[in-house]
N, C-alpha and C. Protein backbone atom coordinates (compact mmCIF):
# COMPACT_ATOMS: atom_id res chain seq x y z
N UNK A 1 108.51 -180.60 -95.02
CA UNK A 1 107.18 -180.00 -95.02
C UNK A 1 107.27 -178.67 -95.75
N UNK A 2 106.19 -178.29 -96.35
CA UNK A 2 106.15 -177.06 -97.14
C UNK A 2 106.17 -175.83 -96.23
N UNK A 3 106.53 -174.70 -96.82
CA UNK A 3 106.53 -173.45 -96.09
C UNK A 3 105.13 -172.88 -96.00
N UNK A 4 104.98 -171.83 -95.20
CA UNK A 4 103.66 -171.21 -95.00
C UNK A 4 103.08 -170.74 -96.33
N UNK A 5 103.88 -170.09 -97.14
CA UNK A 5 103.35 -169.57 -98.40
C UNK A 5 102.93 -170.70 -99.33
N UNK A 6 103.65 -171.81 -99.29
CA UNK A 6 103.24 -172.96 -100.10
C UNK A 6 101.91 -173.53 -99.59
N UNK A 7 101.73 -173.49 -98.26
CA UNK A 7 100.46 -173.97 -97.70
C UNK A 7 99.32 -173.03 -98.08
N UNK A 8 99.59 -171.74 -98.15
CA UNK A 8 98.56 -170.79 -98.59
C UNK A 8 98.13 -171.11 -100.02
N UNK A 9 99.11 -171.44 -100.86
CA UNK A 9 98.79 -171.82 -102.24
C UNK A 9 97.95 -173.10 -102.28
N UNK A 10 98.22 -174.01 -101.34
CA UNK A 10 97.45 -175.25 -101.26
C UNK A 10 95.98 -174.98 -100.90
N UNK A 11 95.74 -173.92 -100.13
CA UNK A 11 94.36 -173.57 -99.78
C UNK A 11 93.59 -173.22 -101.05
N UNK A 12 94.18 -172.35 -101.87
CA UNK A 12 93.52 -171.95 -103.11
C UNK A 12 93.27 -173.17 -103.99
N UNK A 13 94.28 -174.02 -104.10
CA UNK A 13 94.16 -175.22 -104.93
C UNK A 13 93.07 -176.15 -104.39
N UNK A 14 93.07 -176.36 -103.10
CA UNK A 14 92.10 -177.26 -102.47
C UNK A 14 90.67 -176.76 -102.64
N UNK A 15 90.49 -175.46 -102.61
CA UNK A 15 89.16 -174.87 -102.74
C UNK A 15 88.76 -174.65 -104.20
N UNK A 16 89.71 -174.93 -105.11
CA UNK A 16 89.41 -174.77 -106.54
C UNK A 16 89.25 -173.32 -106.96
N UNK A 17 89.96 -172.44 -106.28
CA UNK A 17 89.86 -171.00 -106.58
C UNK A 17 91.06 -170.59 -107.42
N UNK A 18 90.81 -169.85 -108.49
CA UNK A 18 91.88 -169.30 -109.31
C UNK A 18 92.79 -168.48 -108.41
N UNK A 19 94.10 -168.65 -108.56
CA UNK A 19 95.05 -167.98 -107.67
C UNK A 19 94.93 -166.46 -107.72
N UNK A 20 94.74 -165.91 -108.90
CA UNK A 20 94.59 -164.45 -109.01
C UNK A 20 93.38 -163.98 -108.22
N UNK A 21 92.27 -164.70 -108.35
CA UNK A 21 91.04 -164.35 -107.63
C UNK A 21 91.25 -164.55 -106.13
N UNK A 22 91.87 -165.66 -105.75
CA UNK A 22 92.14 -165.98 -104.35
C UNK A 22 92.90 -164.85 -103.68
N UNK A 23 94.00 -164.41 -104.29
CA UNK A 23 94.82 -163.36 -103.69
C UNK A 23 94.14 -162.00 -103.74
N UNK A 24 93.38 -161.74 -104.77
CA UNK A 24 92.63 -160.48 -104.85
C UNK A 24 91.61 -160.40 -103.72
N UNK A 25 90.91 -161.51 -103.46
CA UNK A 25 89.92 -161.54 -102.37
C UNK A 25 90.57 -161.30 -101.01
N UNK A 26 91.80 -161.74 -100.87
CA UNK A 26 92.52 -161.56 -99.61
C UNK A 26 93.22 -160.20 -99.53
N UNK A 27 93.27 -159.48 -100.65
CA UNK A 27 93.97 -158.20 -100.67
C UNK A 27 95.48 -158.37 -100.69
N UNK A 28 95.94 -159.50 -101.25
CA UNK A 28 97.37 -159.80 -101.31
C UNK A 28 97.84 -159.85 -102.75
N UNK A 29 99.16 -159.77 -102.92
CA UNK A 29 99.75 -159.85 -104.24
C UNK A 29 100.25 -161.27 -104.49
N UNK A 30 99.81 -161.87 -105.58
CA UNK A 30 100.25 -163.21 -105.94
C UNK A 30 101.77 -163.26 -106.15
N UNK A 31 102.36 -162.14 -106.57
CA UNK A 31 103.80 -162.08 -106.82
C UNK A 31 104.61 -162.44 -105.57
N UNK A 32 104.05 -162.18 -104.38
CA UNK A 32 104.75 -162.49 -103.13
C UNK A 32 104.73 -163.99 -102.81
N UNK A 33 104.06 -164.78 -103.64
CA UNK A 33 103.91 -166.21 -103.35
C UNK A 33 104.54 -167.07 -104.44
N UNK A 34 105.37 -166.48 -105.28
CA UNK A 34 106.03 -167.28 -106.30
C UNK A 34 107.48 -166.83 -106.43
N UNK A 35 108.27 -167.66 -107.08
CA UNK A 35 109.69 -167.36 -107.25
C UNK A 35 110.42 -167.30 -105.92
N UNK A 36 111.40 -166.44 -105.84
CA UNK A 36 112.21 -166.29 -104.63
C UNK A 36 111.35 -165.80 -103.46
N UNK A 37 110.37 -164.97 -103.75
CA UNK A 37 109.50 -164.42 -102.70
C UNK A 37 108.75 -165.51 -101.94
N UNK A 38 108.56 -166.67 -102.57
CA UNK A 38 107.82 -167.76 -101.93
C UNK A 38 108.49 -168.20 -100.64
N UNK A 39 109.79 -167.94 -100.51
CA UNK A 39 110.54 -168.39 -99.34
C UNK A 39 110.70 -167.31 -98.29
N UNK A 40 110.15 -166.12 -98.52
CA UNK A 40 110.23 -165.06 -97.52
C UNK A 40 109.11 -165.25 -96.49
N UNK A 41 109.25 -164.57 -95.38
CA UNK A 41 108.28 -164.70 -94.28
C UNK A 41 106.93 -164.11 -94.66
N UNK A 42 105.92 -164.61 -93.99
CA UNK A 42 104.55 -164.12 -94.17
C UNK A 42 104.18 -163.39 -92.89
N UNK A 43 103.65 -162.20 -93.01
CA UNK A 43 103.34 -161.42 -91.81
C UNK A 43 102.20 -162.06 -91.02
N UNK A 44 102.21 -161.79 -89.74
CA UNK A 44 101.14 -162.31 -88.88
C UNK A 44 99.80 -161.70 -89.28
N UNK A 45 99.80 -160.45 -89.74
CA UNK A 45 98.56 -159.82 -90.20
C UNK A 45 97.97 -160.58 -91.38
N UNK A 46 98.82 -161.01 -92.29
CA UNK A 46 98.36 -161.77 -93.46
C UNK A 46 97.77 -163.10 -93.03
N UNK A 47 98.41 -163.75 -92.06
CA UNK A 47 97.86 -165.02 -91.58
C UNK A 47 96.49 -164.83 -90.93
N UNK A 48 96.34 -163.73 -90.20
CA UNK A 48 95.04 -163.44 -89.59
C UNK A 48 93.99 -163.21 -90.67
N UNK A 49 94.34 -162.50 -91.72
CA UNK A 49 93.41 -162.26 -92.83
C UNK A 49 92.97 -163.60 -93.44
N UNK A 50 93.92 -164.47 -93.69
CA UNK A 50 93.62 -165.77 -94.30
C UNK A 50 92.72 -166.60 -93.39
N UNK A 51 93.08 -166.66 -92.10
CA UNK A 51 92.31 -167.48 -91.17
C UNK A 51 90.92 -166.91 -90.90
N UNK A 52 90.78 -165.60 -91.00
CA UNK A 52 89.45 -164.99 -90.85
C UNK A 52 88.58 -165.25 -92.07
N UNK A 53 89.19 -165.26 -93.23
CA UNK A 53 88.45 -165.49 -94.47
C UNK A 53 88.08 -166.97 -94.62
N UNK A 54 89.01 -167.84 -94.26
CA UNK A 54 88.80 -169.28 -94.41
C UNK A 54 88.81 -169.93 -93.03
N UNK A 55 87.71 -169.80 -92.33
CA UNK A 55 87.61 -170.26 -90.94
C UNK A 55 87.69 -171.77 -90.81
N UNK A 56 87.54 -172.49 -91.92
CA UNK A 56 87.62 -173.94 -91.87
C UNK A 56 89.07 -174.45 -91.95
N UNK A 57 90.03 -173.54 -92.16
CA UNK A 57 91.44 -173.92 -92.23
C UNK A 57 92.01 -174.00 -90.82
N UNK A 58 92.77 -175.04 -90.56
CA UNK A 58 93.39 -175.23 -89.25
C UNK A 58 94.56 -174.25 -89.09
N UNK A 59 94.52 -173.40 -88.05
CA UNK A 59 95.64 -172.48 -87.82
C UNK A 59 96.96 -173.21 -87.58
N UNK A 60 96.91 -174.34 -86.88
CA UNK A 60 98.13 -175.10 -86.61
C UNK A 60 98.73 -175.61 -87.92
N UNK A 61 97.89 -176.08 -88.82
CA UNK A 61 98.39 -176.55 -90.12
C UNK A 61 99.00 -175.38 -90.89
N UNK A 62 98.31 -174.23 -90.92
CA UNK A 62 98.81 -173.09 -91.68
C UNK A 62 100.14 -172.60 -91.12
N UNK A 63 100.23 -172.46 -89.81
CA UNK A 63 101.42 -171.89 -89.21
C UNK A 63 102.59 -172.87 -89.13
N UNK A 64 102.28 -174.13 -88.80
CA UNK A 64 103.36 -175.08 -88.54
C UNK A 64 103.42 -176.24 -89.51
N UNK A 65 102.37 -176.44 -90.30
CA UNK A 65 102.35 -177.57 -91.22
C UNK A 65 102.07 -178.88 -90.52
N UNK A 66 101.46 -178.81 -89.35
CA UNK A 66 101.17 -180.02 -88.57
C UNK A 66 99.68 -180.33 -88.66
N UNK A 67 99.37 -181.59 -88.89
CA UNK A 67 97.97 -182.01 -88.92
C UNK A 67 97.34 -181.82 -90.28
N UNK A 68 96.03 -181.76 -90.27
CA UNK A 68 95.26 -181.64 -91.49
C UNK A 68 95.00 -180.17 -91.85
N UNK A 69 94.81 -179.92 -93.14
CA UNK A 69 94.53 -178.56 -93.62
C UNK A 69 93.23 -178.03 -93.02
N UNK A 70 92.22 -178.87 -93.05
CA UNK A 70 90.91 -178.43 -92.58
C UNK A 70 90.69 -178.85 -91.14
N UNK A 71 90.01 -177.97 -90.40
CA UNK A 71 89.66 -178.30 -89.03
C UNK A 71 88.77 -179.53 -89.04
N UNK A 72 88.91 -180.35 -88.03
CA UNK A 72 88.05 -181.52 -87.93
C UNK A 72 86.86 -181.21 -87.03
N UNK A 73 86.10 -182.20 -86.70
CA UNK A 73 84.91 -181.99 -85.89
C UNK A 73 85.19 -181.96 -84.40
N UNK A 74 86.46 -181.93 -84.00
CA UNK A 74 86.76 -181.89 -82.57
C UNK A 74 86.21 -180.64 -81.91
N UNK A 75 86.09 -179.57 -82.67
CA UNK A 75 85.51 -178.35 -82.11
C UNK A 75 84.10 -178.61 -81.62
N UNK A 76 83.32 -179.39 -82.36
CA UNK A 76 81.96 -179.73 -81.95
C UNK A 76 81.98 -180.72 -80.79
N UNK A 77 82.97 -181.61 -80.76
CA UNK A 77 83.06 -182.62 -79.71
C UNK A 77 83.41 -181.98 -78.37
N UNK A 78 84.09 -180.86 -78.37
CA UNK A 78 84.49 -180.22 -77.12
C UNK A 78 83.28 -179.86 -76.26
N UNK A 79 82.17 -179.55 -76.90
CA UNK A 79 80.97 -179.20 -76.13
C UNK A 79 80.54 -180.38 -75.26
N UNK A 80 80.84 -181.60 -75.68
CA UNK A 80 80.44 -182.79 -74.95
C UNK A 80 81.49 -183.22 -73.94
N UNK A 81 82.68 -182.66 -74.01
CA UNK A 81 83.78 -183.07 -73.14
C UNK A 81 83.58 -182.53 -71.73
N UNK A 82 84.26 -183.19 -70.79
CA UNK A 82 84.21 -182.70 -69.41
C UNK A 82 84.97 -181.39 -69.33
N UNK A 83 84.70 -180.59 -68.29
CA UNK A 83 85.45 -179.33 -68.14
C UNK A 83 86.96 -179.56 -68.09
N UNK A 84 87.41 -180.65 -67.43
CA UNK A 84 88.84 -180.94 -67.37
C UNK A 84 89.40 -181.16 -68.77
N UNK A 85 88.70 -181.94 -69.59
CA UNK A 85 89.16 -182.21 -70.95
C UNK A 85 89.18 -180.92 -71.76
N UNK A 86 88.23 -180.04 -71.50
CA UNK A 86 88.21 -178.75 -72.21
C UNK A 86 89.44 -177.93 -71.86
N UNK A 87 89.81 -177.92 -70.57
CA UNK A 87 90.98 -177.16 -70.13
C UNK A 87 92.24 -177.74 -70.76
N UNK A 88 92.39 -179.07 -70.74
CA UNK A 88 93.57 -179.71 -71.33
C UNK A 88 93.65 -179.41 -72.83
N UNK A 89 92.53 -179.55 -73.52
CA UNK A 89 92.51 -179.28 -74.96
C UNK A 89 92.87 -177.82 -75.22
N UNK A 90 92.33 -176.93 -74.41
CA UNK A 90 92.61 -175.50 -74.57
C UNK A 90 94.09 -175.21 -74.35
N UNK A 91 94.67 -175.82 -73.30
CA UNK A 91 96.09 -175.61 -73.02
C UNK A 91 96.96 -176.15 -74.15
N UNK A 92 96.60 -177.32 -74.69
CA UNK A 92 97.36 -177.89 -75.80
C UNK A 92 97.29 -176.98 -77.01
N UNK A 93 96.09 -176.46 -77.32
CA UNK A 93 95.94 -175.56 -78.46
C UNK A 93 96.70 -174.26 -78.22
N UNK A 94 96.64 -173.75 -76.98
CA UNK A 94 97.37 -172.53 -76.65
C UNK A 94 98.87 -172.74 -76.82
N UNK A 95 99.34 -173.90 -76.37
CA UNK A 95 100.77 -174.21 -76.49
C UNK A 95 101.19 -174.29 -77.96
N UNK A 96 100.37 -174.95 -78.77
CA UNK A 96 100.68 -175.03 -80.21
C UNK A 96 100.65 -173.65 -80.85
N UNK A 97 99.69 -172.81 -80.43
CA UNK A 97 99.59 -171.47 -81.00
C UNK A 97 100.80 -170.63 -80.60
N UNK A 98 101.21 -170.73 -79.33
CA UNK A 98 102.39 -169.99 -78.87
C UNK A 98 103.63 -170.45 -79.65
N UNK A 99 103.79 -171.76 -79.81
CA UNK A 99 104.92 -172.27 -80.60
C UNK A 99 104.87 -171.74 -82.02
N UNK A 100 103.68 -171.75 -82.60
CA UNK A 100 103.52 -171.27 -83.98
C UNK A 100 103.87 -169.79 -84.09
N UNK A 101 103.38 -169.01 -83.15
CA UNK A 101 103.65 -167.57 -83.19
C UNK A 101 105.13 -167.29 -82.94
N UNK A 102 105.77 -168.08 -82.09
CA UNK A 102 107.22 -167.92 -81.89
C UNK A 102 107.98 -168.20 -83.18
N UNK A 103 107.55 -169.20 -83.93
CA UNK A 103 108.19 -169.50 -85.22
C UNK A 103 107.99 -168.34 -86.20
N UNK A 104 106.80 -167.76 -86.19
CA UNK A 104 106.52 -166.62 -87.06
C UNK A 104 107.41 -165.45 -86.67
N UNK A 105 107.52 -165.19 -85.38
CA UNK A 105 108.36 -164.09 -84.90
C UNK A 105 109.80 -164.32 -85.32
N UNK A 106 110.31 -165.54 -85.14
CA UNK A 106 111.68 -165.84 -85.55
C UNK A 106 111.89 -165.63 -87.04
N UNK A 107 110.92 -166.06 -87.84
CA UNK A 107 111.03 -165.87 -89.29
C UNK A 107 111.02 -164.39 -89.65
N UNK A 108 110.17 -163.61 -88.99
CA UNK A 108 110.12 -162.18 -89.26
C UNK A 108 111.41 -161.48 -88.82
N UNK A 109 111.96 -161.91 -87.68
CA UNK A 109 113.22 -161.34 -87.23
C UNK A 109 114.33 -161.65 -88.22
N UNK A 110 114.33 -162.85 -88.77
CA UNK A 110 115.32 -163.22 -89.79
C UNK A 110 115.16 -162.35 -91.03
N UNK A 111 113.92 -162.11 -91.43
CA UNK A 111 113.65 -161.23 -92.58
C UNK A 111 114.18 -159.83 -92.31
N UNK A 112 113.96 -159.33 -91.11
CA UNK A 112 114.45 -158.00 -90.74
C UNK A 112 115.97 -157.95 -90.82
N UNK A 113 116.64 -158.97 -90.27
CA UNK A 113 118.11 -159.00 -90.33
C UNK A 113 118.61 -159.02 -91.77
N UNK A 114 117.96 -159.79 -92.62
CA UNK A 114 118.34 -159.85 -94.02
C UNK A 114 118.14 -158.50 -94.70
N UNK A 115 117.01 -157.87 -94.40
CA UNK A 115 116.74 -156.57 -95.01
C UNK A 115 117.70 -155.50 -94.49
N UNK A 116 118.09 -155.59 -93.23
CA UNK A 116 119.07 -154.65 -92.69
C UNK A 116 120.41 -154.78 -93.41
N UNK A 117 120.82 -156.02 -93.70
CA UNK A 117 122.06 -156.24 -94.45
C UNK A 117 121.95 -155.68 -95.86
N UNK A 118 120.80 -155.85 -96.48
CA UNK A 118 120.59 -155.32 -97.82
C UNK A 118 120.66 -153.80 -97.80
N UNK A 119 120.01 -153.19 -96.81
CA UNK A 119 120.03 -151.73 -96.68
C UNK A 119 121.46 -151.23 -96.50
N UNK A 120 122.22 -151.90 -95.65
CA UNK A 120 123.60 -151.51 -95.41
C UNK A 120 124.42 -151.59 -96.70
N UNK A 121 124.25 -152.66 -97.44
CA UNK A 121 124.97 -152.82 -98.71
C UNK A 121 124.57 -151.73 -99.70
N UNK A 122 123.29 -151.42 -99.77
CA UNK A 122 122.82 -150.37 -100.68
C UNK A 122 123.34 -148.99 -100.25
N UNK A 123 123.38 -148.74 -98.95
CA UNK A 123 123.93 -147.47 -98.47
C UNK A 123 125.40 -147.34 -98.84
N UNK A 124 126.16 -148.42 -98.73
CA UNK A 124 127.57 -148.40 -99.12
C UNK A 124 127.71 -148.13 -100.61
N UNK A 125 126.83 -148.75 -101.39
CA UNK A 125 126.86 -148.57 -102.83
C UNK A 125 126.53 -147.12 -103.18
N UNK A 126 125.54 -146.54 -102.52
CA UNK A 126 125.17 -145.13 -102.76
C UNK A 126 126.34 -144.23 -102.40
N UNK A 127 126.96 -144.49 -101.25
CA UNK A 127 128.10 -143.69 -100.82
C UNK A 127 129.24 -143.77 -101.83
N UNK A 128 129.50 -144.95 -102.33
CA UNK A 128 130.54 -145.15 -103.33
C UNK A 128 130.22 -144.37 -104.60
N UNK A 129 128.96 -144.45 -105.05
CA UNK A 129 128.56 -143.76 -106.27
C UNK A 129 128.58 -142.25 -106.10
N UNK A 130 128.28 -141.76 -104.93
CA UNK A 130 128.31 -140.31 -104.69
C UNK A 130 129.72 -139.75 -104.72
N UNK A 131 130.69 -140.58 -104.39
CA UNK A 131 132.10 -140.15 -104.40
C UNK A 131 132.63 -140.02 -105.81
N UNK A 132 132.01 -140.68 -106.78
CA UNK A 132 132.50 -140.63 -108.17
C UNK A 132 132.25 -139.33 -108.81
């Protein structure tokens, strides 16, 4: 399955929006979605921006790559469901959202660890260069 950033690119493609325009409207840099950067983590704030702008996009699909890109009509069907079915559906969605957010947190923690290693290596390099 594709990564979150690849799914973000699929949103622009699906909506027929030029990528430069798409990212400008979101206040994001297209450079962060191509090349090596395409495999880095996406902040939770960025995901909130995307989901607020494109309310028809399924959060579960964006975060986890599960299901369809676009929300289906189940949201409208819930109004007709019994209260018990509403609670079960809500708990299932909450569980998926918690799982999704845990995956985001893990990815961000991995990014932090990688950046800490890079900082340490750069500090060693600076120290070495200062000794010369």
